[in-house]
Amino acid sequence: MKRASGARRSGSRHRRRYPAGTLVVLCQVWYDCGAVRCQAGVTLDEIAEVRPGLLDFTAGMLGGLARKDQRAAGELYVRGLLADGRRKSMVATAERPGVDSQRLQPFITSSTRDCVAVRRNVARWLAGHQPAEALVAGDTGFPGDGDASPSVARQYSGTPGKTANCQVAVSVHLVSEHAPRAAHWRLSCPESGDDPAPDDPAAAAGARRRRRLAAIPGQAGHREKRRLAPDMIQEMTGPGGWGVPAVAGGARPVAAAGIAYGDNALFRQRLTGGGRQYAVAVKGPASARDGDAVPQARPCENSRSSSPSSSAPALPAPSR
């Protein structure tokens, strides 16, 4: 989650090509499917009792991985994350199920695979087992430094509640009466992460070096969070996307977001254009009109010209 494909931090010995957050979400989903009730972690004996179901679950979620050894390593990694223990490093995670960390190292650090397929499987499983009542958009900040981690910049994040060096990830949660679960997420690339203008060769070379170290794809660039979130919702629910509504019986959950998204007209327009109802937070000065208000033409008051201007029949009411 915190690193793009192939990213590494300065001084790190390993390279990560698979967002570990994807498998962390698998663990959380497995907790909530009813097989395991202990949120603080489970013992190896408890995992052994439910392992047949866990094998079926991970096989379905990791089914998009082409190689059998990748799927086996993924199941081992999920078992290690589920087991009781505070440290989630690769070595500690491997020790809990009693395997050599060398079995997990290629899977975590160097093997390439399509993590989007796993996210799609998770989202479809959630929608089928716990029908969502809302799609909630938001973001999370991860403090970070150095120039080898993708999308680290001095930017505002609600997580620390201030402007700081951090990464920001936009997420869409499927929310039901039972639980909210992250089903889709993307790392937000700040504007400073884009290649600079070609008239500054030194800056351009530095930007290319940072992008190469962080393994940021050439087509990835800055896109505002208010644009990313509707893109993700469309990918999950739109035609040709993940097919989340199909496995949920055709339901179209309402979209919801906090003030950082809801107060932006472009974000609301994207949701409206997609035919989606929404409930979002806005600032107090924002105004609203009745749903049946129809724009009407009236003469300009300060001009002899008879050219009309568009206006609504009634003054807007404050959103409060």
Protein backbone atom coordinates (compact mmCIF):
# COMPACT_ATOMS: atom_id res chain seq x y z
CA MET A 1 0.00 0.00 0.00
CA LYS A 2 2.67 2.44 1.00
CA ARG A 3 5.04 1.57 -1.82
CA ALA A 4 4.54 1.38 -5.53
CA SER A 5 5.61 -1.66 -7.49
CA GLY A 6 9.32 -2.19 -7.04
CA ALA A 7 9.75 0.71 -4.61
CA ARG A 8 12.30 0.76 -1.81
CA ARG A 9 13.26 3.15 0.95
CA SER A 10 16.71 4.63 1.18
CA GLY A 11 18.99 2.13 2.87
CA SER A 12 16.58 -0.79 2.50
CA ARG A 13 18.06 -4.12 1.43
CA HIS A 14 14.92 -5.38 -0.24
CA ARG A 15 12.78 -4.34 -3.15
CA ARG A 16 9.01 -4.66 -2.91
CA ARG A 17 6.99 -5.38 -6.06
CA TYR A 18 3.70 -6.32 -4.43
CA PRO A 19 1.66 -3.94 -2.26
CA ALA A 20 1.60 -5.74 1.08
CA GLY A 21 -1.56 -3.86 2.02
CA THR A 22 -3.46 -6.06 -0.42
CA LEU A 23 -2.76 -9.14 1.69
CA VAL A 24 -3.36 -7.24 4.93
CA VAL A 25 -6.87 -6.55 3.62
CA LEU A 26 -7.26 -10.27 2.87
CA CYS A 27 -6.52 -10.97 6.53
CA GLN A 28 -9.06 -8.41 7.71
CA VAL A 29 -11.71 -9.83 5.38
CA TRP A 30 -10.96 -13.32 6.69
CA TYR A 31 -11.39 -12.09 10.26
CA ASP A 32 -14.82 -10.74 9.40
CA CYS A 33 -16.04 -13.74 7.43
CA GLY A 34 -16.76 -15.42 10.78
CA ALA A 35 -14.02 -18.04 10.84
CA VAL A 36 -11.88 -16.15 13.35
CA ARG A 37 -13.22 -13.88 16.06
CA CYS A 38 -10.06 -12.67 17.76
CA GLN A 39 -9.10 -9.29 16.34
CA ALA A 40 -5.77 -9.12 18.17
CA GLY A 41 -4.38 -12.19 16.43
CA VAL A 42 -4.91 -15.93 16.59
CA THR A 43 -2.82 -18.85 17.72
CA LEU A 44 -1.33 -21.39 15.35
CA ASP A 45 -3.72 -24.04 16.73
CA GLU A 46 -6.70 -21.82 15.90
CA ILE A 47 -5.36 -21.25 12.40
CA ALA A 48 -4.90 -25.01 11.98
CA GLU A 49 -8.56 -25.56 12.85
CA VAL A 50 -9.79 -23.22 10.11
CA ARG A 51 -7.00 -23.81 7.60
CA PRO A 52 -9.16 -25.75 5.07
CA GLY A 53 -11.47 -22.75 4.80
CA LEU A 54 -8.50 -20.38 4.73
CA LEU A 55 -6.96 -22.34 1.86
CA ASP A 56 -10.20 -22.08 -0.13
CA PHE A 57 -10.48 -18.37 0.65
CA THR A 58 -6.92 -17.44 -0.34
CA ALA A 59 -7.14 -19.63 -3.46
CA GLY A 60 -10.13 -17.61 -4.58
CA MET A 61 -8.57 -14.25 -3.76
CA LEU A 62 -5.14 -15.08 -5.23
CA GLY A 63 -6.53 -17.06 -8.15
CA GLY A 64 -5.30 -14.41 -10.58
CA LEU A 65 -1.67 -15.35 -9.85
CA ALA A 66 -0.43 -17.52 -12.68
CA ARG A 67 2.14 -19.61 -10.79
CA LYS A 68 1.35 -22.22 -8.15
CA ASP A 69 4.35 -21.28 -6.01
CA GLN A 70 3.16 -17.67 -5.87
CA ARG A 71 -0.27 -18.75 -4.62
CA ALA A 72 1.33 -21.04 -2.02
CA ALA A 73 3.63 -18.25 -0.80
CA GLY A 74 0.66 -15.89 -0.62
CA GLU A 75 -1.25 -18.30 1.63
CA LEU A 76 1.81 -18.65 3.89
CA TYR A 77 2.12 -14.90 4.12
CA VAL A 78 -1.56 -14.49 5.02
CA ARG A 79 -1.22 -17.15 7.74
CA GLY A 80 1.78 -15.32 9.17
CA LEU A 81 -0.08 -12.01 9.20
CA LEU A 82 -3.08 -13.59 10.93
CA ALA A 83 -1.00 -15.22 13.66
CA ASP A 84 -0.54 -13.47 16.97
CA GLY A 85 2.46 -11.13 16.99
CA ARG A 86 3.01 -7.40 16.80
CA ARG A 87 5.80 -7.33 14.21
CA LYS A 88 4.69 -7.77 10.61
CA SER A 89 8.13 -7.76 8.98
CA MET A 90 8.87 -10.48 6.47
CA VAL A 91 11.17 -12.45 8.81
CA ALA A 92 8.79 -12.27 11.78
CA THR A 93 5.79 -13.12 9.60
CA ALA A 94 7.58 -16.21 8.24
CA GLU A 95 8.66 -17.39 11.69
CA ARG A 96 5.12 -17.55 13.07
CA PRO A 97 3.89 -20.35 10.74
CA GLY A 98 7.34 -21.97 11.08
CA VAL A 99 8.75 -21.46 7.58
CA ASP A 100 12.03 -20.07 6.32
CA SER A 101 11.78 -16.42 5.31
CA GLN A 102 13.60 -17.35 2.08
CA ARG A 103 10.35 -18.97 0.92
CA LEU A 104 8.57 -15.63 1.20
CA GLN A 105 11.36 -13.32 0.06
CA PRO A 106 10.88 -13.78 -3.72
CA PHE A 107 7.12 -13.37 -3.33
CA ILE A 108 7.42 -10.15 -1.31
CA THR A 109 10.49 -8.50 -2.75
CA SER A 110 11.03 -9.38 -6.39
CA SER A 111 8.21 -11.38 -7.95
CA THR A 112 5.88 -9.42 -10.24
CA ARG A 113 2.12 -9.96 -10.38
CA ASP A 114 -1.12 -8.13 -10.94
CA CYS A 115 -2.26 -6.78 -7.58
CA VAL A 116 -5.34 -5.18 -9.19
CA ALA A 117 -6.74 -8.66 -9.84
CA VAL A 118 -6.51 -9.44 -6.12
CA ARG A 119 -8.28 -6.20 -5.24
CA ARG A 120 -11.00 -7.03 -7.74
CA ASN A 121 -11.45 -10.49 -6.22
CA VAL A 122 -11.67 -9.01 -2.72
CA ALA A 123 -14.22 -6.39 -3.79
CA ARG A 124 -16.39 -8.95 -5.57
CA TRP A 125 -16.22 -11.36 -2.62
CA LEU A 126 -17.23 -8.63 -0.19
CA ALA A 127 -20.09 -7.44 -2.40
CA GLY A 128 -21.38 -10.99 -2.72
CA HIS A 129 -21.15 -11.90 0.98
CA GLN A 130 -21.86 -8.52 2.59
CA PRO A 131 -23.91 -6.36 0.20
CA ALA A 132 -22.69 -2.78 0.44
CA GLU A 133 -25.04 0.04 1.35
CA ALA A 134 -22.52 2.76 0.53
CA LEU A 135 -19.26 3.39 -1.31
CA VAL A 136 -17.19 5.66 0.92
CA ALA A 137 -14.26 7.58 -0.56
CA GLY A 138 -11.45 8.86 1.60
CA ASP A 139 -7.67 8.97 1.96
CA THR A 140 -4.94 8.07 4.42
CA GLY A 141 -1.50 9.56 4.91
CA PHE A 142 1.71 7.63 5.58
CA PRO A 143 4.66 9.62 6.98
CA GLY A 144 7.78 9.14 4.88
CA ASP A 145 11.11 10.65 3.92
CA GLY A 146 13.78 10.12 1.30
CA ASP A 147 13.65 10.18 -2.48
CA ALA A 148 13.36 6.42 -3.13
CA SER A 149 9.77 6.04 -1.93
CA PRO A 150 7.07 6.88 -4.48
CA SER A 151 4.93 9.99 -4.15
CA VAL A 152 6.50 11.26 -0.92
CA ALA A 153 6.05 15.03 -0.82
CA ARG A 154 5.31 17.82 1.59
CA GLN A 155 1.52 17.80 1.47
CA TYR A 156 -1.49 17.99 3.74
CA SER A 157 -2.94 14.79 5.13
CA GLY A 158 -5.80 14.38 7.53
CA THR A 159 -4.01 11.48 9.23
CA PRO A 160 -1.42 13.69 11.00
CA GLY A 161 -3.77 16.67 10.65
CA LYS A 162 -1.09 18.91 9.17
CA THR A 163 1.20 19.46 6.20
CA ALA A 164 4.11 17.05 6.38
CA ASN A 165 6.32 14.77 4.30
CA CYS A 166 4.09 11.81 3.54
CA GLN A 167 2.44 9.61 0.98
CA VAL A 168 -1.32 9.85 0.48
CA ALA A 169 -3.42 6.90 -0.64
CA VAL A 170 -7.00 7.32 -1.87
CA SER A 171 -9.34 4.44 -0.98
CA VAL A 172 -12.90 3.37 -1.62
CA HIS A 173 -14.59 1.30 1.09
CA LEU A 174 -17.56 -1.00 0.68
CA VAL A 175 -19.67 -0.23 3.73
CA SER A 176 -22.45 -2.42 5.05
CA GLU A 177 -24.28 -2.65 8.33
CA HIS A 178 -21.81 -5.34 9.33
CA ALA A 179 -18.49 -3.64 8.59
CA PRO A 180 -16.59 -1.21 6.33
CA ARG A 181 -13.84 -2.72 4.20
CA ALA A 182 -11.27 -1.19 1.87
CA ALA A 183 -11.93 -2.60 -1.60
CA HIS A 184 -9.87 -0.32 -3.83
CA TRP A 185 -6.97 2.06 -3.25
CA ARG A 186 -4.40 4.02 -5.21
CA LEU A 187 -1.33 6.01 -4.26
CA SER A 188 -1.86 9.68 -5.11
CA CYS A 189 1.04 11.06 -7.13
CA PRO A 190 1.69 14.69 -6.14
CA GLU A 191 2.33 17.32 -8.77
CA SER A 192 5.96 17.50 -7.69
CA GLY A 193 6.34 13.85 -8.72
CA ASP A 194 5.74 14.59 -12.40
CA ASP A 195 8.61 15.06 -14.79
CA PRO A 196 9.52 18.75 -14.92
CA ALA A 197 9.64 20.82 -18.07
CA PRO A 198 12.34 19.71 -20.53
CA ASP A 199 13.98 23.15 -20.38
CA ASP A 200 15.48 22.16 -17.00
CA PRO A 201 17.70 19.15 -17.87
CA ALA A 202 19.11 18.75 -14.35
CA ALA A 203 15.68 18.69 -12.70
CA ALA A 204 14.34 16.36 -15.38
CA ALA A 205 17.23 13.93 -14.83
CA GLY A 206 16.63 14.00 -11.05
CA ALA A 207 12.92 13.33 -11.51
CA ARG A 208 13.60 10.42 -13.85
CA ARG A 209 16.05 8.95 -11.32
CA ARG A 210 13.52 9.17 -8.47
CA ARG A 211 10.80 7.62 -10.59
CA ARG A 212 13.15 4.81 -11.64
CA LEU A 213 14.14 4.04 -8.04
CA ALA A 214 10.49 3.94 -6.97
CA ALA A 215 9.49 1.94 -10.09
CA ILE A 216 6.76 4.44 -10.94
CA PRO A 217 5.30 3.55 -14.37
CA GLY A 218 5.89 6.07 -17.12
CA GLN A 219 2.15 6.70 -17.61
CA ALA A 220 1.55 7.40 -13.90
CA GLY A 221 1.37 11.08 -13.05
CA HIS A 222 -0.33 13.67 -10.91
CA ARG A 223 -4.09 13.36 -10.66
CA GLU A 224 -6.07 15.15 -7.98
CA LYS A 225 -7.71 13.07 -5.26
CA ARG A 226 -11.12 14.42 -6.25
CA ARG A 227 -10.55 12.88 -9.70
CA LEU A 228 -9.01 9.63 -8.47
CA ALA A 229 -11.93 8.69 -6.24
CA PRO A 230 -14.61 8.84 -9.01
CA ASP A 231 -12.23 6.95 -11.32
CA MET A 232 -11.98 4.18 -8.75
CA ILE A 233 -15.73 4.05 -8.15
CA GLN A 234 -16.28 3.83 -11.90
CA GLU A 235 -13.69 1.05 -12.20
CA MET A 236 -15.45 -0.94 -9.49
CA THR A 237 -19.04 -0.41 -10.62
CA GLY A 238 -19.07 0.87 -14.20
CA PRO A 239 -19.48 -1.01 -17.49
CA GLY A 240 -16.48 -3.16 -18.29
CA GLY A 241 -15.14 -2.80 -14.75
CA TRP A 242 -14.92 -5.15 -11.81
CA GLY A 243 -18.60 -6.12 -11.90
CA VAL A 244 -19.24 -5.33 -8.24
CA PRO A 245 -22.96 -4.51 -8.81
CA ALA A 246 -23.49 -7.82 -10.64
CA VAL A 247 -22.41 -9.95 -7.68
CA ALA A 248 -24.42 -7.70 -5.34
CA GLY A 249 -27.69 -8.38 -7.14
CA GLY A 250 -27.56 -5.24 -9.26
CA ALA A 251 -27.69 -2.86 -6.29
CA ARG A 252 -26.13 0.60 -6.71
CA PRO A 253 -24.91 1.77 -3.31
CA VAL A 254 -24.98 5.47 -2.52
CA ALA A 255 -21.60 7.23 -2.66
CA ALA A 256 -20.41 9.05 0.45
CA ALA A 257 -17.40 11.24 1.22
CA GLY A 258 -16.11 13.78 3.68
CA ILE A 259 -15.75 17.50 3.17
CA ALA A 260 -12.39 17.26 1.36
CA TYR A 261 -14.22 15.55 -1.50
CA GLY A 262 -17.85 16.56 -1.08
CA ASP A 263 -17.17 20.29 -1.17
CA ASN A 264 -15.63 19.99 -4.62
CA ALA A 265 -18.13 20.58 -7.44
CA LEU A 266 -16.13 18.47 -9.91
CA PHE A 267 -16.34 15.45 -7.61
CA ARG A 268 -20.10 15.84 -7.24
CA GLN A 269 -20.55 16.35 -10.98
CA ARG A 270 -18.66 13.14 -11.71
CA LEU A 271 -20.98 11.21 -9.41
CA THR A 272 -24.07 12.84 -10.90
CA GLY A 273 -22.83 12.18 -14.43
CA GLY A 274 -22.48 8.51 -13.55
CA GLY A 275 -26.10 8.41 -12.40
CA ARG A 276 -25.12 7.79 -8.80
CA GLN A 277 -26.84 9.19 -5.72
CA TYR A 278 -24.53 10.59 -3.09
CA ALA A 279 -24.40 11.95 0.45
CA VAL A 280 -21.37 14.16 1.05
CA ALA A 281 -20.23 16.78 3.52
CA VAL A 282 -19.91 20.40 2.34
CA LYS A 283 -18.82 23.66 3.92
CA GLY A 284 -21.38 25.98 5.46
CA PRO A 285 -21.33 28.69 2.73
CA ALA A 286 -22.32 26.16 0.07
CA SER A 287 -25.84 26.61 -1.29
CA ALA A 288 -28.41 24.18 -2.60
CA ARG A 289 -31.62 24.34 -4.63
CA ASP A 290 -34.67 22.16 -4.64
CA GLY A 291 -34.34 19.07 -6.78
CA ASP A 292 -37.16 20.19 -9.08
CA ALA A 293 -35.74 23.71 -9.64
CA VAL A 294 -35.63 24.57 -13.37
CA PRO A 295 -33.39 27.38 -14.73
CA GLN A 296 -35.40 30.23 -16.27
CA ALA A 297 -34.42 33.16 -18.49
CA ARG A 298 -34.96 36.74 -17.35
CA PRO A 299 -33.86 40.12 -18.77
CA CYS A 300 -30.65 41.70 -17.50
CA GLU A 301 -31.56 44.27 -14.86
CA ASN A 302 -28.74 46.75 -15.56
CA SER A 303 -28.83 46.77 -19.32
CA ARG A 304 -31.23 47.80 -22.11
CA SER A 305 -30.29 44.62 -23.91
CA SER A 306 -33.00 42.03 -24.03
CA SER A 307 -30.54 39.12 -24.02
CA PRO A 308 -31.62 36.76 -21.26
CA SER A 309 -29.50 35.28 -18.49
CA SER A 310 -30.09 31.94 -16.86
CA SER A 311 -31.26 31.82 -13.26
CA ALA A 312 -33.27 29.59 -11.01
CA PRO A 313 -36.78 30.64 -9.98
CA ALA A 314 -35.84 30.85 -6.34
CA LEU A 315 -32.80 31.91 -4.36
CA PRO A 316 -30.66 29.02 -3.19
CA ALA A 317 -30.89 28.04 0.43
CA PRO A 318 -27.76 27.73 2.61
CA SER A 319 -26.60 24.15 2.97
CA ARG A 320 -26.95 24.52 6.72
